[in-house]
N, C-alpha and C. Protein backbone atom coordinates (compact mmCIF):
# COMPACT_ATOMS: atom_id res chain seq x y z
N MET A 1 127.69 48.05 35.74
CA MET A 1 127.04 47.17 35.80
C MET A 1 126.29 46.97 37.55
N ALA A 2 124.95 46.34 37.09
CA ALA A 2 124.30 46.14 38.83
C ALA A 2 124.72 45.06 39.09
N SER A 3 124.68 44.87 40.61
CA SER A 3 124.83 43.32 41.33
C SER A 3 123.55 43.21 41.99
N TYR A 4 123.20 41.66 42.03
CA TYR A 4 121.83 41.35 42.85
C TYR A 4 122.28 40.96 43.72
N ASN A 5 121.31 40.99 44.75
CA ASN A 5 121.80 40.24 46.18
C ASN A 5 120.53 39.36 46.34
N TRP A 6 120.47 38.06 46.71
CA TRP A 6 119.48 37.60 47.20
C TRP A 6 119.70 36.64 48.61
N ASN A 7 119.21 37.16 49.57
CA ASN A 7 119.57 36.44 50.99
C ASN A 7 118.39 35.05 51.33
N PHE A 8 119.15 34.23 52.24
CA PHE A 8 118.30 32.93 52.37
C PHE A 8 118.64 32.20 53.55
N THR A 9 117.66 31.38 54.05
CA THR A 9 118.23 30.41 55.23
C THR A 9 118.12 29.09 54.50
N VAL A 10 119.76 28.48 54.84
CA VAL A 10 119.97 27.20 54.29
C VAL A 10 119.01 26.39 55.14
N MET A 11 118.11 25.51 54.22
CA MET A 11 117.28 24.73 54.83
C MET A 11 118.05 23.06 54.45
N PRO A 12 117.25 22.10 55.38
CA PRO A 12 117.70 21.10 55.70
C PRO A 12 117.90 19.82 54.73
N GLU A 13 116.46 20.15 53.83
CA GLU A 13 116.82 19.60 52.22
C GLU A 13 117.79 19.73 51.51
N VAL A 14 119.16 20.55 52.08
CA VAL A 14 120.24 20.46 51.06
C VAL A 14 121.21 20.11 52.02
N ILE A 15 121.03 19.36 53.05
CA ILE A 15 122.05 18.96 53.84
C ILE A 15 122.58 17.20 53.66
N ASP A 16 124.02 17.48 52.93
CA ASP A 16 124.67 16.06 52.72
C ASP A 16 125.14 15.21 53.98
N SER A 17 125.27 13.66 53.54
CA SER A 17 125.36 13.23 54.53
C SER A 17 126.86 13.40 55.44
N GLN A 18 127.64 14.35 55.30
CA GLN A 18 128.35 14.91 56.05
C GLN A 18 127.66 16.05 57.05
N GLY A 19 127.03 16.60 57.03
CA GLY A 19 126.01 17.20 57.66
C GLY A 19 126.47 18.84 57.41
N HIS A 20 126.65 19.20 55.79
CA HIS A 20 127.02 20.81 55.58
C HIS A 20 126.49 20.53 54.23
N VAL A 21 126.11 21.70 53.43
CA VAL A 21 125.46 22.26 52.38
C VAL A 21 126.15 20.94 51.13
N ASN A 22 125.45 20.27 50.33
CA ASN A 22 125.60 19.28 49.28
C ASN A 22 126.13 20.38 48.40
N ASN A 23 126.89 19.93 47.58
CA ASN A 23 127.64 20.85 46.52
C ASN A 23 126.50 21.27 45.44
N VAL A 24 125.75 19.97 45.30
CA VAL A 24 124.76 20.19 43.79
C VAL A 24 123.73 21.57 44.55
N ALA A 25 123.64 21.68 45.71
CA ALA A 25 122.98 23.07 46.23
C ALA A 25 123.43 24.00 45.72
N TYR A 26 124.71 24.66 45.60
CA TYR A 26 125.48 25.66 45.14
C TYR A 26 125.05 26.35 43.66
N VAL A 27 124.95 25.18 42.89
CA VAL A 27 125.07 25.27 41.33
C VAL A 27 123.23 25.55 41.39
N GLN A 28 122.41 24.66 42.13
CA GLN A 28 121.39 25.39 42.04
C GLN A 28 120.98 26.86 42.78
N TRP A 29 121.81 27.37 43.72
CA TRP A 29 121.55 28.36 43.63
C TRP A 29 122.03 29.81 42.94
N MET A 30 123.31 29.05 41.96
CA MET A 30 123.83 30.07 41.25
C MET A 30 122.88 30.23 40.20
N GLN A 31 121.70 28.84 39.54
CA GLN A 31 120.86 29.25 38.90
C GLN A 31 119.63 29.94 38.83
N ASP A 32 119.42 29.88 40.35
CA ASP A 32 118.17 30.81 41.00
C ASP A 32 118.64 32.16 41.23
N ALA A 33 119.75 32.39 41.81
CA ALA A 33 120.36 33.83 41.49
C ALA A 33 120.29 34.61 40.41
N ALA A 34 120.57 33.70 39.58
CA ALA A 34 121.26 34.40 37.62
C ALA A 34 119.31 34.94 37.48
N ILE A 35 118.71 33.81 37.56
CA ILE A 35 117.31 33.86 37.03
C ILE A 35 116.55 34.72 37.95
N GLN A 36 116.63 35.43 39.38
CA GLN A 36 116.31 35.70 40.00
C GLN A 36 116.44 37.77 39.48
N HIS A 37 118.07 37.79 39.52
CA HIS A 37 118.39 39.10 38.59
C HIS A 37 118.06 39.55 37.10
N THR A 38 117.88 38.15 36.58
CA THR A 38 117.24 38.50 35.21
C THR A 38 116.02 38.85 35.21
N LYS A 39 115.02 38.81 36.54
CA LYS A 39 113.82 38.84 36.51
C LYS A 39 113.75 39.80 36.86
N SER A 40 114.51 40.65 37.81
CA SER A 40 114.60 42.01 38.55
C SER A 40 114.79 42.94 37.65
N VAL A 41 115.40 42.80 36.55
CA VAL A 41 115.80 43.75 35.33
C VAL A 41 114.91 43.70 34.16
N GLN A 42 114.15 42.85 34.21
CA GLN A 42 113.03 42.26 32.99
C GLN A 42 113.82 41.94 31.77
N ALA A 43 115.05 41.55 32.05
CA ALA A 43 115.64 40.89 30.71
C ALA A 43 115.12 39.45 30.29
N ASP A 44 114.47 38.82 31.24
CA ASP A 44 113.61 37.79 30.49
C ASP A 44 112.60 38.21 29.71
N ARG A 45 111.94 39.20 29.90
CA ARG A 45 110.97 39.69 29.15
C ARG A 45 111.76 39.99 27.67
N ILE A 46 112.83 40.60 27.98
CA ILE A 46 113.24 41.27 26.54
C ILE A 46 113.99 40.12 26.04
N ALA A 47 114.41 39.02 26.55
CA ALA A 47 115.04 37.77 25.71
C ALA A 47 114.02 37.07 24.82
N THR A 48 112.72 36.52 25.51
CA THR A 48 111.38 36.52 25.04
C THR A 48 111.00 37.29 23.83
N GLU A 49 110.70 38.44 24.03
CA GLU A 49 110.74 39.38 22.67
C GLU A 49 111.52 39.29 21.17
N SER A 50 112.75 39.18 21.76
CA SER A 50 113.82 38.86 20.76
C SER A 50 114.26 37.41 20.43
N SER A 51 113.38 36.71 20.62
CA SER A 51 113.07 35.39 20.59
C SER A 51 114.69 34.71 20.70
N THR A 52 115.26 34.90 21.64
CA THR A 52 116.34 34.14 22.19
C THR A 52 116.56 33.60 24.13
N MET A 53 117.23 32.91 24.37
CA MET A 53 117.47 32.41 25.39
C MET A 53 118.58 32.25 26.02
N TRP A 54 119.16 31.46 27.55
CA TRP A 54 120.36 31.54 27.64
C TRP A 54 120.13 30.14 28.08
N VAL A 55 121.69 29.28 27.75
CA VAL A 55 121.59 28.16 28.45
C VAL A 55 123.48 28.36 28.84
N VAL A 56 123.69 27.49 29.68
CA VAL A 56 124.97 27.48 30.46
C VAL A 56 125.84 26.33 29.83
N ARG A 57 127.04 27.11 29.77
CA ARG A 57 128.29 26.44 29.26
C ARG A 57 129.06 25.65 30.15
N ARG A 58 129.15 26.39 31.27
CA ARG A 58 130.03 25.77 32.40
C ARG A 58 129.87 26.82 33.69
N HIS A 59 130.00 25.66 34.95
CA HIS A 59 129.65 26.42 36.15
C HIS A 59 131.07 25.93 36.77
N GLU A 60 131.62 27.11 37.38
CA GLU A 60 133.22 26.78 38.06
C GLU A 60 132.58 27.40 39.92
N ILE A 61 132.99 26.68 40.92
CA ILE A 61 132.44 26.85 42.21
C ILE A 61 133.62 26.57 42.89
N GLU A 62 134.45 27.30 44.12
CA GLU A 62 135.61 27.38 44.55
C GLU A 62 135.01 27.52 45.76
N TYR A 63 135.01 26.13 46.26
CA TYR A 63 134.46 26.29 48.21
C TYR A 63 135.09 26.50 49.25
N LEU A 64 135.16 27.76 50.09
CA LEU A 64 136.00 28.09 50.99
C LEU A 64 135.95 27.87 52.49
N ARG A 65 134.61 27.80 52.94
CA ARG A 65 134.28 27.53 54.14
C ARG A 65 132.78 26.13 53.71
N GLN A 66 132.52 25.25 54.89
CA GLN A 66 131.64 24.66 54.84
C GLN A 66 130.32 25.72 55.63
N VAL A 67 128.85 25.48 55.43
CA VAL A 67 127.75 26.05 55.43
C VAL A 67 126.75 24.94 56.10
N PHE A 68 126.20 25.38 57.09
CA PHE A 68 125.10 24.43 57.69
C PHE A 68 123.69 24.68 57.62
N VAL A 69 122.90 23.78 57.84
CA VAL A 69 121.70 24.17 58.04
C VAL A 69 120.99 25.17 59.25
N GLY A 70 120.49 26.30 58.72
CA GLY A 70 119.88 27.41 59.41
C GLY A 70 121.11 28.57 59.41
N ASP A 71 122.09 28.44 58.63
CA ASP A 71 122.89 29.31 58.46
C ASP A 71 122.15 30.41 57.35
N GLU A 72 122.27 32.21 57.54
CA GLU A 72 121.88 32.55 56.62
C GLU A 72 122.84 33.08 55.74
N LEU A 73 122.53 32.83 54.07
CA LEU A 73 123.61 33.15 53.14
C LEU A 73 123.12 34.53 52.14
N GLN A 74 123.63 34.97 51.72
CA GLN A 74 123.61 36.19 50.96
C GLN A 74 124.62 36.00 49.85
N ILE A 75 123.89 35.75 48.25
CA ILE A 75 124.36 35.74 47.06
C ILE A 75 124.43 37.13 46.28
N GLU A 76 125.64 37.28 46.18
CA GLU A 76 125.76 38.36 45.34
C GLU A 76 126.10 38.09 43.81
N THR A 77 125.25 38.09 42.93
CA THR A 77 125.65 37.88 41.55
C THR A 77 126.08 39.32 40.54
N TYR A 78 126.62 39.13 39.70
CA TYR A 78 126.59 40.29 38.85
C TYR A 78 127.20 39.59 37.59
N ILE A 79 127.23 40.15 36.05
CA ILE A 79 127.75 39.97 35.17
C ILE A 79 129.08 40.87 34.98
N ASP A 80 130.20 39.74 34.93
CA ASP A 80 131.55 40.35 35.25
C ASP A 80 132.03 40.57 33.16
N ASP A 81 131.84 39.90 32.54
CA ASP A 81 132.13 39.78 31.27
C ASP A 81 131.20 39.57 29.85
N VAL A 82 131.08 40.03 28.92
CA VAL A 82 130.20 40.18 27.78
C VAL A 82 131.40 40.46 26.51
N GLN A 83 131.08 38.64 25.70
CA GLN A 83 131.63 38.74 24.22
C GLN A 83 130.00 38.71 23.31
N ARG A 84 130.29 38.24 22.43
CA ARG A 84 129.11 38.75 21.13
C ARG A 84 128.03 38.01 21.29
N ALA A 85 128.28 36.74 21.92
CA ALA A 85 127.29 35.64 22.44
C ALA A 85 127.39 34.90 23.65
N THR A 86 128.26 35.29 24.53
CA THR A 86 128.86 34.93 26.04
C THR A 86 128.60 35.80 26.90
N SER A 87 128.62 35.14 27.95
CA SER A 87 128.64 36.19 29.30
C SER A 87 129.00 35.69 30.10
N VAL A 88 129.82 36.08 31.43
CA VAL A 88 130.46 35.47 32.31
C VAL A 88 129.74 36.18 33.73
N ARG A 89 129.08 35.34 34.43
CA ARG A 89 128.65 35.82 35.41
C ARG A 89 129.08 34.97 36.53
N ARG A 90 128.99 36.38 37.69
CA ARG A 90 130.24 36.04 38.81
C ARG A 90 128.92 36.00 40.07
N TYR A 91 130.00 35.09 40.84
CA TYR A 91 128.79 35.06 42.10
C TYR A 91 129.69 34.72 43.85
N VAL A 92 129.28 35.59 44.38
CA VAL A 92 129.94 35.66 45.85
C VAL A 92 129.03 35.08 47.17
N PHE A 93 129.13 33.70 47.40
CA PHE A 93 128.57 33.37 48.84
C PHE A 93 129.31 33.96 50.05
N THR A 94 128.31 34.54 50.77
CA THR A 94 128.83 35.09 51.83
C THR A 94 127.84 34.60 53.43
N ASN A 95 128.18 33.93 54.00
CA ASN A 95 127.76 33.86 55.29
C ASN A 95 127.05 35.14 55.97
N SER A 96 126.12 35.47 55.98
CA SER A 96 125.23 36.53 56.31
C SER A 96 125.80 36.71 57.92
N ASN A 97 125.83 35.46 58.60
CA ASN A 97 126.13 35.65 60.36
C ASN A 97 127.42 36.04 60.64
N THR A 98 128.37 35.57 59.90
CA THR A 98 129.93 35.62 60.12
C THR A 98 130.60 36.90 59.31
N GLY A 99 129.88 37.33 58.52
CA GLY A 99 130.54 37.95 57.15
C GLY A 99 131.36 37.46 56.36
N LYS A 100 131.69 36.48 56.39
CA LYS A 100 133.10 35.70 55.73
C LYS A 100 132.20 34.48 54.51
N ILE A 101 133.24 35.08 53.44
CA ILE A 101 132.93 34.09 52.32
C ILE A 101 132.92 32.87 52.38
N VAL A 102 131.93 32.25 52.02
CA VAL A 102 131.80 30.94 51.94
C VAL A 102 132.29 30.29 50.45
N ALA A 103 132.00 31.02 49.51
CA ALA A 103 132.21 30.38 48.26
C ALA A 103 132.10 31.36 47.18
N LYS A 104 133.03 31.03 46.08
CA LYS A 104 132.62 31.82 45.03
C LYS A 104 132.11 30.93 43.85
N GLY A 105 131.42 31.58 42.90
CA GLY A 105 131.45 31.12 41.37
C GLY A 105 131.24 31.63 40.41
N ARG A 106 131.39 30.90 39.27
CA ARG A 106 131.28 31.68 38.08
C ARG A 106 130.39 30.80 37.05
N THR A 107 129.70 31.26 36.20
CA THR A 107 128.88 30.65 35.09
C THR A 107 128.97 30.63 33.85
N ASP A 108 129.29 30.44 32.79
CA ASP A 108 129.57 30.89 31.32
C ASP A 108 128.36 30.58 30.53
N TRP A 109 127.77 31.32 30.45
CA TRP A 109 126.39 31.64 29.57
C TRP A 109 126.32 32.02 28.59
N VAL A 110 125.60 31.51 27.26
CA VAL A 110 125.46 31.19 25.81
C VAL A 110 124.01 31.66 25.28
N CYS A 111 123.94 32.65 24.89
CA CYS A 111 122.67 33.42 24.06
C CYS A 111 122.53 32.55 23.10
N LEU A 112 121.08 31.97 22.73
CA LEU A 112 120.68 31.21 21.66
C LEU A 112 119.71 32.01 21.27
N ASP A 113 119.98 31.83 19.47
CA ASP A 113 118.21 31.74 18.65
C ASP A 113 117.21 30.80 19.25
N ILE A 114 116.12 31.32 19.73
CA ILE A 114 115.17 30.47 20.09
C ILE A 114 114.79 29.43 18.73
N ASP A 115 114.76 29.57 17.49
CA ASP A 115 114.46 29.16 16.34
C ASP A 115 115.32 28.03 16.06
N SER A 116 116.63 28.57 15.53
CA SER A 116 117.10 27.55 15.11
C SER A 116 118.43 26.78 16.40
N GLY A 117 118.22 27.65 17.31
CA GLY A 117 119.28 26.88 18.61
C GLY A 117 120.40 27.44 18.65
N ARG A 118 120.80 27.82 17.58
CA ARG A 118 122.77 28.11 17.45
C ARG A 118 122.88 29.55 18.41
N PRO A 119 123.94 29.50 18.60
CA PRO A 119 124.60 30.98 19.40
C PRO A 119 124.08 32.02 18.13
N CYS A 120 123.84 33.56 18.93
CA CYS A 120 123.55 34.36 18.64
C CYS A 120 124.11 35.56 18.93
N SER A 121 124.34 36.63 18.61
CA SER A 121 124.39 38.15 19.17
C SER A 121 123.52 38.33 20.68
N ILE A 122 124.11 38.85 21.73
CA ILE A 122 123.25 39.00 22.68
C ILE A 122 122.46 40.31 22.34
N PRO A 123 120.86 40.43 22.53
CA PRO A 123 120.55 41.92 22.13
C PRO A 123 120.66 42.87 22.87
N PRO A 124 121.19 44.11 22.65
CA PRO A 124 121.41 45.20 22.91
C PRO A 124 120.54 45.81 24.13
N GLU A 125 119.47 45.23 23.73
CA GLU A 125 118.43 45.59 25.08
C GLU A 125 118.52 44.77 26.39
N ILE A 126 118.93 43.70 26.29
CA ILE A 126 119.49 43.14 27.67
C ILE A 126 120.77 43.37 27.94
N LEU A 127 121.83 43.60 27.29
CA LEU A 127 122.91 44.19 27.41
C LEU A 127 122.76 45.30 28.29
N LYS A 128 121.80 46.57 27.92
CA LYS A 128 121.58 47.54 28.66
C LYS A 128 120.54 47.46 30.06
N ALA A 129 120.07 46.42 29.96
CA ALA A 129 118.94 46.03 31.22
C ALA A 129 120.30 45.24 32.33
N PHE A 130 121.20 44.81 31.93
CA PHE A 130 122.00 44.74 33.08
C PHE A 130 123.56 45.87 33.23
N GLY A 131 122.91 46.91 32.57
CA GLY A 131 123.72 48.09 33.09
C GLY A 131 124.96 47.86 31.89
N PHE A 132 125.21 47.24 30.88
CA PHE A 132 126.35 46.91 29.84
C PHE A 132 125.57 47.95 28.67
N PHE A 133 126.27 48.43 27.68
CA PHE A 133 125.78 49.49 26.36
C PHE A 133 126.70 48.41 25.43
N PRO A 134 125.69 48.71 24.55
CA PRO A 134 126.32 47.96 23.06
C PRO A 134 127.93 48.19 22.47
N GLU A 135 128.30 49.42 22.91
CA GLU A 135 129.95 49.60 22.63
C GLU A 135 130.53 48.89 23.41
N THR A 136 130.28 48.72 24.30
CA THR A 136 131.29 47.72 25.31
C THR A 136 130.99 46.25 24.95
N GLN A 137 130.27 45.69 24.03
CA GLN A 137 129.95 44.15 23.42
C GLN A 137 131.57 44.19 22.23
N LYS A 138 132.13 42.95 22.52
CA LYS A 138 133.37 42.55 21.97
C LYS A 138 133.08 41.52 20.90
């Protein structure tokens, strides 16, 4: 399975009243990284062609260090586990200036059939795009 890295500078609009990054920004960054990774392997196109879409079931974030405006961050994201209709995506947030991990995250995603809105098996082509192969699907 392949990971995806996204590098960016923390902007003032995500800073809270305590002077560090607001917790909500991490959720947005997780979603943005997942979308970028998906597009980078064309899994968004495959999902559209197979009439499927992804929705979030749960987010988890473990905050390890504060992050401030101007900090350079790298988010590494990858798919860690796949079940029939679900996948677990992991995130590691690293301060590029210090090399220290500032947060870790996890999102549980569910694959839905667009027409019925019900969970469905993840199309094998999507799994292959992310470096999983159908025979590893549980």
